[in-house]
Protein backbone atom coordinates (compact mmCIF):
# COMPACT_ATOMS: atom_id res chain seq x y z
CA UNK A 1 -0.39 12.12 -11.32
CA UNK A 2 -2.09 9.17 -13.02
CA UNK A 3 -1.00 5.57 -12.52
CA UNK A 4 -0.57 3.77 -15.80
CA UNK A 5 -1.67 0.16 -16.19
CA UNK A 6 0.91 -2.27 -14.85
CA UNK A 7 2.75 -4.10 -17.61
CA UNK A 8 5.78 -6.33 -18.08
CA UNK A 9 8.06 -3.68 -19.59
CA UNK A 10 11.55 -4.33 -18.19
CA UNK A 11 12.77 -0.70 -18.07
CA UNK A 12 12.04 -0.10 -14.35
CA UNK A 13 13.84 -3.33 -13.49
CA UNK A 14 16.78 -2.43 -15.72
CA UNK A 15 17.00 1.05 -14.22
CA UNK A 16 16.80 -0.36 -10.70
CA UNK A 17 19.57 -2.84 -11.47
CA UNK A 18 21.82 -0.13 -12.93
CA UNK A 19 21.15 2.11 -9.93
CA UNK A 20 21.87 -0.75 -7.53
CA UNK A 21 25.24 -1.63 -9.06
CA UNK A 22 26.16 2.08 -9.21
CA UNK A 23 25.26 2.50 -5.53
CA UNK A 24 27.76 -0.17 -4.52
CA UNK A 25 30.54 1.90 -6.09
CA UNK A 26 29.14 5.26 -5.05
CA UNK A 27 28.89 4.15 -1.43
CA UNK A 28 32.68 3.76 -1.18
CA UNK A 29 33.50 6.90 -3.19
CA UNK A 30 35.43 9.59 -1.31
CA UNK A 31 33.40 12.44 0.10
CA UNK A 32 35.45 14.97 -1.86
CA UNK A 33 34.54 13.24 -5.13
CA UNK A 34 30.84 13.16 -4.25
CA UNK A 35 30.95 16.85 -3.37
CA UNK A 36 32.74 17.60 -6.62
CA UNK A 37 29.97 15.80 -8.50
CA UNK A 38 27.25 17.86 -6.78
CA UNK A 39 29.09 21.10 -7.59
CA UNK A 40 29.48 19.94 -11.21
CA UNK A 41 25.70 19.34 -11.30
CA UNK A 42 25.12 22.89 -10.09
CA UNK A 43 27.44 24.36 -12.72
CA UNK A 44 25.88 22.29 -15.50
CA UNK A 45 22.39 23.47 -14.58
CA UNK A 46 23.55 27.08 -14.44
CA UNK A 47 24.90 26.81 -17.99
CA UNK A 48 21.64 25.29 -19.28
CA UNK A 49 18.90 27.67 -18.11
CA UNK A 50 17.78 28.39 -21.69
CA UNK A 51 17.40 24.71 -22.59
CA UNK A 52 15.51 23.96 -19.38
CA UNK A 53 13.14 26.91 -19.74
CA UNK A 54 12.47 25.98 -23.37
CA UNK A 55 11.53 22.43 -22.37
CA UNK A 56 9.42 23.79 -19.51
CA UNK A 57 7.49 25.99 -21.94
CA UNK A 58 6.54 22.88 -23.92
CA UNK A 59 5.28 21.24 -20.73
CA UNK A 60 3.25 24.29 -19.75
CA UNK A 61 1.65 24.57 -23.18
CA UNK A 62 0.71 20.90 -23.22
CA UNK A 63 -0.61 21.04 -19.66
CA UNK A 64 -2.82 24.05 -20.39
CA UNK A 65 -4.29 22.24 -23.39
CA UNK A 66 -5.07 19.28 -21.12
CA UNK A 67 -6.71 21.60 -18.56
CA UNK A 68 -4.26 20.69 -15.81
CA UNK A 69 -5.26 22.37 -12.49
CA UNK A 70 -3.77 25.79 -11.73
CA UNK A 71 -2.07 24.39 -8.62
CA UNK A 72 -0.07 21.91 -10.72
CA UNK A 73 0.72 24.61 -13.29
CA UNK A 74 2.19 26.75 -10.48
CA UNK A 75 4.31 23.82 -9.32
CA UNK A 76 5.34 23.08 -12.89
CA UNK A 77 6.33 26.57 -14.05
CA UNK A 78 10.06 27.20 -13.87
CA UNK A 79 11.56 30.68 -13.80
CA UNK A 80 15.18 31.88 -13.76
CA UNK A 81 14.71 32.65 -10.06
CA UNK A 82 13.56 29.11 -9.27
CA UNK A 83 16.47 27.66 -11.22
CA UNK A 84 18.91 29.99 -9.46
CA UNK A 85 17.55 28.76 -6.12
CA UNK A 86 18.12 25.18 -7.27
CA UNK A 87 21.71 25.98 -8.24
CA UNK A 88 22.28 27.69 -4.87
CA UNK A 89 21.01 24.63 -3.01
CA UNK A 90 23.23 22.27 -5.01
CA UNK A 91 26.23 24.51 -4.44
CA UNK A 92 25.55 24.56 -0.72
CA UNK A 93 25.14 20.78 -0.67
CA UNK A 94 28.48 20.44 -2.41
CA UNK A 95 30.18 22.65 0.15
CA UNK A 96 28.77 20.96 3.26
CA UNK A 97 30.91 18.44 5.15
CA UNK A 98 30.59 14.78 4.24
CA UNK A 99 27.61 13.28 6.12
CA UNK A 100 29.08 9.78 5.81
CA UNK A 101 31.82 8.07 7.79
CA UNK A 102 30.89 9.96 10.95
CA UNK A 103 31.98 7.67 13.77
CA UNK A 104 29.90 7.47 16.93
CA UNK A 105 30.41 5.38 20.03
CA UNK A 106 27.91 2.54 20.23
CA UNK A 107 25.42 2.33 23.10
CA UNK A 108 26.71 -1.11 23.97
CA UNK A 109 30.19 -2.61 24.36
CA UNK A 110 31.11 -6.27 24.19
CA UNK A 111 33.84 -7.81 26.32
CA UNK A 112 37.35 -7.67 24.82
CA UNK A 113 36.20 -5.49 21.91
CA UNK A 114 35.30 -1.95 20.94
CA UNK A 115 31.96 -1.13 19.28
CA UNK A 116 31.11 1.95 17.25
CA UNK A 117 28.70 3.08 14.55
CA UNK A 118 29.10 4.90 11.26
CA UNK A 119 26.61 6.64 8.99
CA UNK A 120 26.34 4.83 5.67
CA UNK A 121 24.31 5.29 2.47
CA UNK A 122 20.94 3.60 2.15
CA UNK A 123 21.73 2.42 -1.38
CA UNK A 124 19.08 3.21 -4.00
CA UNK A 125 16.38 5.84 -3.49
CA UNK A 126 13.32 6.18 -5.70
CA UNK A 127 12.00 9.75 -5.87
CA UNK A 128 8.44 10.05 -7.23
CA UNK A 129 7.35 13.64 -7.65
CA UNK A 130 4.38 15.54 -9.02
CA UNK A 131 5.40 18.48 -11.25
CA UNK A 132 8.29 20.39 -9.50
CA UNK A 133 10.97 19.67 -12.17
CA UNK A 134 13.58 21.53 -10.11
CA UNK A 135 12.96 19.28 -7.14
CA UNK A 136 14.26 16.30 -9.11
CA UNK A 137 17.62 18.06 -9.39
CA UNK A 138 17.66 18.90 -5.67
CA UNK A 139 16.79 15.32 -4.71
CA UNK A 140 19.59 14.09 -6.99
CA UNK A 141 22.03 16.39 -5.19
CA UNK A 142 20.93 15.02 -1.81
CA UNK A 143 21.42 11.45 -2.98
CA UNK A 144 24.81 11.87 -4.66
CA UNK A 145 26.09 13.78 -1.62
CA UNK A 146 25.05 10.93 0.67
CA UNK A 147 26.40 8.17 -1.58
CA UNK A 148 23.01 6.97 -2.78
CA UNK A 149 21.90 6.28 -6.34
CA UNK A 150 18.58 7.88 -7.31
CA UNK A 151 15.79 6.84 -9.64
CA UNK A 152 13.58 9.76 -10.68
CA UNK A 153 9.95 9.15 -11.63
CA UNK A 154 8.28 12.46 -12.47
CA UNK A 155 4.74 13.16 -13.58
CA UNK A 156 3.77 13.34 -17.23
CA UNK A 157 3.03 17.07 -16.95
CA UNK A 158 6.76 17.76 -16.52
CA UNK A 159 8.10 15.16 -18.96
CA UNK A 160 10.13 17.54 -21.18
CA UNK A 161 11.58 19.47 -18.22
CA UNK A 162 12.45 16.31 -16.31
CA UNK A 163 14.17 14.74 -19.32
CA UNK A 164 16.35 17.78 -20.02
CA UNK A 165 17.31 18.23 -16.36
CA UNK A 166 18.16 14.54 -15.96
CA UNK A 167 20.31 14.56 -19.09
CA UNK A 168 22.21 17.63 -17.85
CA UNK A 169 22.82 16.06 -14.44
CA UNK A 170 23.83 12.69 -15.90
CA UNK A 171 26.42 14.39 -18.13
CA UNK A 172 27.84 16.30 -15.16
CA UNK A 173 28.07 13.13 -13.08
CA UNK A 174 29.80 11.27 -15.91
CA UNK A 175 32.34 14.07 -16.40
CA UNK A 176 33.60 13.74 -12.83
CA UNK A 177 33.96 9.99 -13.21
CA UNK A 178 31.17 8.61 -11.03
CA UNK A 179 29.66 5.25 -11.93
CA UNK A 180 26.95 5.22 -14.64
CA UNK A 181 23.56 4.54 -13.10
CA UNK A 182 23.96 6.94 -10.17
CA UNK A 183 21.02 8.84 -11.62
CA UNK A 184 18.25 7.10 -13.54
CA UNK A 185 15.10 8.63 -15.02
CA UNK A 186 11.96 6.60 -15.68
CA UNK A 187 9.48 8.28 -18.01
CA UNK A 188 6.00 7.55 -19.31
CA UNK A 189 7.63 6.55 -22.61
CA UNK A 190 9.04 3.52 -20.81
CA UNK A 191 5.48 2.35 -20.19
CA UNK A 192 6.24 2.24 -16.47
CA UNK A 193 3.73 2.83 -13.72
CA UNK A 194 4.47 3.93 -10.18
CA UNK A 195 3.85 0.37 -9.06
CA UNK A 196 6.57 -0.92 -11.40
CA UNK A 197 9.14 1.13 -9.50
CA UNK A 198 7.94 0.80 -5.91
CA UNK A 199 7.86 -2.99 -6.08
CA UNK A 200 11.59 -3.33 -6.92
CA UNK A 201 12.45 -3.98 -3.27
CA UNK A 202 15.44 -6.19 -4.09
CA UNK A 203 17.16 -3.12 -5.55
CA UNK A 204 15.39 -0.03 -4.15
CA UNK A 205 16.00 0.72 -0.47
CA UNK A 206 13.71 3.71 0.03
CA UNK A 207 10.95 5.47 -1.90
CA UNK A 208 10.16 9.16 -1.31
CA UNK A 209 6.90 10.43 -2.84
CA UNK A 210 6.42 14.20 -3.13
CA UNK A 211 3.17 15.89 -4.13
CA UNK A 212 -0.51 15.87 -3.25
CA UNK A 213 -1.95 13.50 -0.64
CA UNK A 214 -3.39 11.27 -3.36
CA UNK A 215 0.10 10.58 -4.71
CA UNK A 216 1.51 9.82 -1.26
CA UNK A 217 -1.33 7.38 -0.52
CA UNK A 218 -0.93 5.75 -3.92
CA UNK A 219 2.76 5.04 -3.32
CA UNK A 220 2.19 3.76 0.22
CA UNK A 221 -0.60 1.48 -0.96
CA UNK A 222 1.42 -0.21 -3.72
CA UNK A 223 5.00 -0.14 -2.42
CA UNK A 224 6.89 -3.19 -1.23
CA UNK A 225 9.88 -0.91 -0.53
CA UNK A 226 10.17 1.24 2.61
CA UNK A 227 8.47 4.62 2.06
CA UNK A 228 9.39 7.98 3.56
CA UNK A 229 6.15 9.95 3.41
CA UNK A 230 6.47 13.68 2.82
CA UNK A 231 3.76 16.09 3.91
CA UNK A 232 2.44 19.38 2.63
CA UNK A 233 -0.26 21.71 3.96
CA UNK A 234 -3.08 21.25 6.50
CA UNK A 235 -1.04 22.73 9.33
CA UNK A 236 -2.96 24.07 12.34
CA UNK A 237 -2.55 27.15 14.53
CA UNK A 238 -4.12 27.51 17.98
CA UNK A 239 -4.89 31.12 18.88
CA UNK A 240 -4.86 31.35 22.67
CA UNK A 241 -6.55 34.09 24.68
CA UNK A 242 -3.08 34.88 26.00
CA UNK A 243 -1.73 36.15 22.69
CA UNK A 244 -1.67 39.05 20.25
CA UNK A 245 -3.59 39.56 17.04
CA UNK A 246 -0.47 40.90 15.31
CA UNK A 247 1.47 37.71 16.02
CA UNK A 248 -1.34 35.55 14.62
CA UNK A 249 -1.60 37.66 11.48
CA UNK A 250 2.15 37.63 10.86
CA UNK A 251 2.45 33.87 11.36
CA UNK A 252 -0.32 33.12 8.86
CA UNK A 253 1.05 35.53 6.26
CA UNK A 254 4.63 34.39 6.66
CA UNK A 255 3.87 30.67 6.58
CA UNK A 256 2.37 31.08 3.10
CA UNK A 257 5.50 32.73 1.67
CA UNK A 258 7.41 29.55 0.80
CA UNK A 259 7.81 29.06 -2.95
CA UNK A 260 6.94 27.16 -4.99
CA UNK A 261 5.48 24.68 -2.47
CA UNK A 262 3.96 26.04 0.73
CA UNK A 263 4.94 23.03 2.81
CA UNK A 264 4.15 24.40 6.28
CA UNK A 265 1.46 26.93 5.37
CA UNK A 266 -1.09 27.48 8.15
CA UNK A 267 -4.43 26.47 6.65
CA UNK A 268 -6.54 25.93 9.77
CA UNK A 269 -6.85 28.17 12.84
CA UNK A 270 -8.49 27.14 16.12
CA UNK A 271 -9.77 30.08 18.16
CA UNK A 272 -10.67 30.13 21.84
CA UNK A 273 -14.39 30.69 22.16
CA UNK A 274 -13.90 33.79 24.30
CA UNK A 275 -11.85 35.64 21.67
CA UNK A 276 -13.01 39.19 20.93
CA UNK A 277 -15.22 39.41 17.81
CA UNK A 278 -13.54 42.68 16.87
CA UNK A 279 -10.15 40.96 16.71
CA UNK A 280 -11.54 38.24 14.48
CA UNK A 281 -13.01 40.78 12.06
CA UNK A 282 -9.71 42.69 11.87
CA UNK A 283 -7.79 39.48 11.12
CA UNK A 284 -10.18 38.31 8.43
CA UNK A 285 -10.22 41.68 6.71
CA UNK A 286 -6.40 41.67 6.67
CA UNK A 287 -6.31 38.19 5.15
CA UNK A 288 -8.90 38.99 2.49
CA UNK A 289 -6.99 42.14 1.52
CA UNK A 290 -3.98 39.85 0.86
CA UNK A 291 -6.06 37.62 -1.41
CA UNK A 292 -6.89 34.85 1.05
CA UNK A 293 -10.13 32.91 0.95
CA UNK A 294 -11.63 32.72 4.45
CA UNK A 295 -13.84 29.92 5.77
CA UNK A 296 -15.39 29.11 9.14
CA UNK A 297 -17.35 26.51 11.07
CA UNK A 298 -21.14 26.76 11.38
CA UNK A 299 -20.99 28.83 14.57
CA UNK A 300 -18.65 31.41 13.06
CA UNK A 301 -20.56 31.59 9.79
CA UNK A 302 -23.76 32.33 11.70
CA UNK A 303 -22.07 35.24 13.49
CA UNK A 304 -20.03 36.39 10.46
CA UNK A 305 -21.97 35.82 7.21
CA UNK A 306 -18.98 36.92 5.09
CA UNK A 307 -17.30 33.59 5.86
CA UNK A 308 -17.78 30.48 3.73
CA UNK A 309 -18.90 27.35 5.53
CA UNK A 310 -16.24 24.64 5.95
CA UNK A 311 -17.22 21.15 4.84
CA UNK A 312 -16.53 18.49 7.47
CA UNK A 313 -14.08 16.68 5.16
CA UNK A 314 -11.93 19.81 4.78
CA UNK A 315 -10.61 19.76 8.35
CA UNK A 316 -8.42 16.74 7.58
CA UNK A 317 -7.28 17.68 4.08
CA UNK A 318 -4.89 20.35 2.78
CA UNK A 319 -6.06 23.20 0.56
CA UNK A 320 -2.58 23.93 -0.89
CA UNK A 321 -3.91 27.39 -1.80
CA UNK A 322 -4.24 30.73 -0.01
CA UNK A 323 -7.22 29.47 1.98
CA UNK A 324 -7.59 29.49 5.77
CA UNK A 325 -10.45 27.94 7.77
CA UNK A 326 -11.34 28.96 11.33
CA UNK A 327 -13.02 27.00 14.13
CA UNK A 328 -14.03 27.82 17.70
CA UNK A 329 -12.82 25.57 20.54
CA UNK A 330 -13.48 25.64 24.27
CA UNK A 331 -9.95 25.16 25.54
CA UNK A 332 -6.34 24.32 24.81
CA UNK A 333 -7.11 20.68 25.57
CA UNK A 334 -9.89 20.75 23.00
CA UNK A 335 -7.55 22.32 20.44
CA UNK A 336 -4.89 19.66 21.00
CA UNK A 337 -7.45 16.86 20.65
CA UNK A 338 -8.80 18.37 17.40
CA UNK A 339 -5.32 18.84 15.94
CA UNK A 340 -4.30 15.29 16.79
CA UNK A 341 -7.37 13.99 14.95
CA UNK A 342 -7.33 16.23 11.87
CA UNK A 343 -3.87 17.74 11.30
CA UNK A 344 -1.42 16.30 8.76
CA UNK A 345 0.95 15.96 11.71
CA UNK A 346 4.10 17.62 10.43
CA UNK A 347 4.00 21.27 11.61
CA UNK A 348 1.49 22.83 14.00
CA UNK A 349 1.68 26.12 15.87
CA UNK A 350 0.47 28.01 18.92
CA UNK A 351 0.34 31.70 19.76
CA UNK A 352 0.37 32.26 23.51
CA UNK A 353 2.11 34.28 26.21
CA UNK A 354 1.69 31.47 28.72
CA UNK A 355 4.72 29.23 29.23
CA UNK A 356 2.51 26.51 30.68
CA UNK A 357 0.27 26.55 27.60
CA UNK A 358 3.24 26.45 25.28
CA UNK A 359 4.69 23.39 27.03
CA UNK A 360 1.34 21.63 27.12
CA UNK A 361 0.87 22.25 23.40
CA UNK A 362 4.42 21.26 22.41
CA UNK A 363 4.23 17.94 24.26
CA UNK A 364 0.57 17.16 23.60
CA UNK A 365 0.35 17.75 19.84
CA UNK A 366 1.22 14.56 17.95
CA UNK A 367 3.19 16.27 15.18
CA UNK A 368 6.76 16.07 13.91
CA UNK A 369 7.37 19.71 14.84
CA UNK A 370 5.60 22.38 16.87
CA UNK A 371 6.12 26.13 16.61
CA UNK A 372 5.55 28.48 19.53
CA UNK A 373 5.06 32.17 18.71
CA UNK A 374 6.96 31.86 15.45
CA UNK A 375 6.10 31.12 11.85
CA UNK A 376 6.35 27.50 10.69
CA UNK A 377 7.42 28.69 7.24
CA UNK A 378 9.51 26.05 5.46
CA UNK A 379 12.82 26.79 3.75
CA UNK A 380 14.94 24.28 1.83
CA UNK A 381 18.02 26.44 2.14
CA UNK A 382 17.83 28.25 5.49
CA UNK A 383 20.28 31.09 6.05
CA UNK A 384 21.30 29.79 9.48
CA UNK A 385 22.76 26.41 10.37
CA UNK A 386 24.52 23.77 8.31
CA UNK A 387 21.51 21.92 6.95
CA UNK A 388 19.57 21.87 3.69
CA UNK A 389 16.15 20.23 3.57
CA UNK A 390 14.32 18.30 0.88
CA UNK A 391 10.93 18.43 2.61
CA UNK A 392 9.03 17.43 5.75
CA UNK A 393 8.03 13.94 6.87
CA UNK A 394 5.03 13.34 9.13
CA UNK A 395 5.57 9.62 9.76
CA UNK A 396 7.12 7.83 12.70
CA UNK A 397 8.85 5.17 10.65
CA UNK A 398 12.21 5.70 8.92
CA UNK A 399 12.66 9.35 9.94
CA UNK A 400 10.36 12.15 11.09
CA UNK A 401 10.44 15.89 10.59
CA UNK A 402 12.88 17.69 8.31
CA UNK A 403 14.26 15.54 5.48
CA UNK A 404 17.98 16.33 5.63
CA UNK A 405 21.15 14.67 4.39
CA UNK A 406 21.29 12.46 7.46
CA UNK A 407 17.74 11.27 6.73
CA UNK A 408 19.12 9.54 3.63
CA UNK A 409 21.65 7.54 5.62
CA UNK A 410 21.56 4.50 7.84
CA UNK A 411 23.73 3.24 10.69
CA UNK A 412 26.28 0.45 10.48
CA UNK A 413 27.47 -1.18 13.72
CA UNK A 414 31.15 -2.19 13.72
CA UNK A 415 32.70 -4.33 16.43
CA UNK A 416 36.50 -4.39 16.60
CA UNK A 417 37.92 -7.29 18.61
CA UNK A 418 41.36 -7.37 20.23
CA UNK A 419 42.32 -10.75 18.82
CA UNK A 420 41.81 -12.70 22.04
CA UNK A 421 39.69 -15.84 22.14
């Protein structure tokens, strides 16, 4: 995604103002009406697959002519299956219980009064995303469900797809009677840069960037609004001596199965120095048969010439492809220290049969989530539980870990006096 030159075009300000005024009304809308709006959005998308796919074809053709990287083309390309998944997520969001108005007892109580807290909307959320046209619709569903207005700022590669999807969703929202401005779309035609949106802090309460690391850093660098950083790739796995080859192989394979964005894919594997060379060769052959590119540190490359040498800068950056790099370490402590220095910090794993090792890893790794003997594979619409997820956050600020409906809320403290003074 390229940042356009900052100018004085008023469209981002106008959109932010419309979204702000709509959020004041949306925040006091009944949960049943917000759910009805999300379900209407799902139905409208389902009726418009042909229009969306036609617009997406235009984006793909233009992107190929501009030599857009294959990774972005994969993110950009919509299929009926991807659209059906989007509809399913919106339908599930519409059917979930209202995340707002949940009353909780406050941690403190004042004399002659009762204190409690309620979950409330944040207000206006700016969603800046690279390709992934369907993700704009999912983010809109999250925001409407939680009583927030949303401003979408997609990349130029997906301009036709984003415009059609936004128009469909806006019509659905209008049909159920929600306030105009609940969903705004800012396009390149408005002459608006990312900076134009992320500096509207008097109207925008949170910005969520989604895409490659360069986009995330760009938003964080320029924003005067709070930012919820999402993370993708560069997840580590520590392969302990007390573990099985089959478990390691399955976890790597499975973690790369998320589509279209492999959020929690294992891209780096730390191996105990005393691991059997025969086991390593079996694993690498299995990965290469599945189309993976295999890399290793200097010590491994010397022993196994079929491996490509990892550049030092790669340990701290995601590949976002079917590439896995391997490194030898002397101990669990060494693995934890390396992960804490180089991992993206949102999902790291260990394979071990030692309870002590698993506890040491889970508490020592400075990541939002740790996985013990199970795949970290990410799913937006998991089959179990009552949650749907927009992505993963690796920061310790606003929220950390899975980005759920509750992530897009805040807490209001209410103190009810008894009338005495």
